[in-house]
């Protein structure tokens, strides 16, 4: 796969399921936010690597607001897809749900956009494939990603 080839976001989608156990919790029976953030980053990184066919490292995580707590015993589900690509960077959209594995009830707990840079054999940033925008959702996420990237660049020193 060459960097000049286009790839559909569907080719790099990732869904991770992880059962939340007491080791993931604070003293109140809720899962630590840091545990959820790590899984968001891991899921997004896998999607980025699938897209780039290269190692990818995290360079930015947009704000993450926790809408609902995740409790011990819940199945945490992270779904990532590539939403925007630059020359060497890949933005992923990650949605997180908590599922009660007994009742099947799911709750959207948080979402984030995570940006990675692909690394070449020399450990330096390297070009990534363009994104093939096939659906209206693909086009909307990409257009919004252009704006998010402008905002990130305007607010970095």
Foldseek 3Di string as FASTA:
>chain_A
DDLAAADAQVQLKDKDKDAAAPVQDDPVQFGDPVVVVVVQLVRQQSSVCSQFVAHKDWDDKPDKDFPDTAGHQWIKMKIKTFQEDDFFKTKIKIWIWTANVVVRDIDGTIIIIIMIGGADPVRDGGGTHGYDQDDPSSVVSHVVVVVVVVVVVVPDD
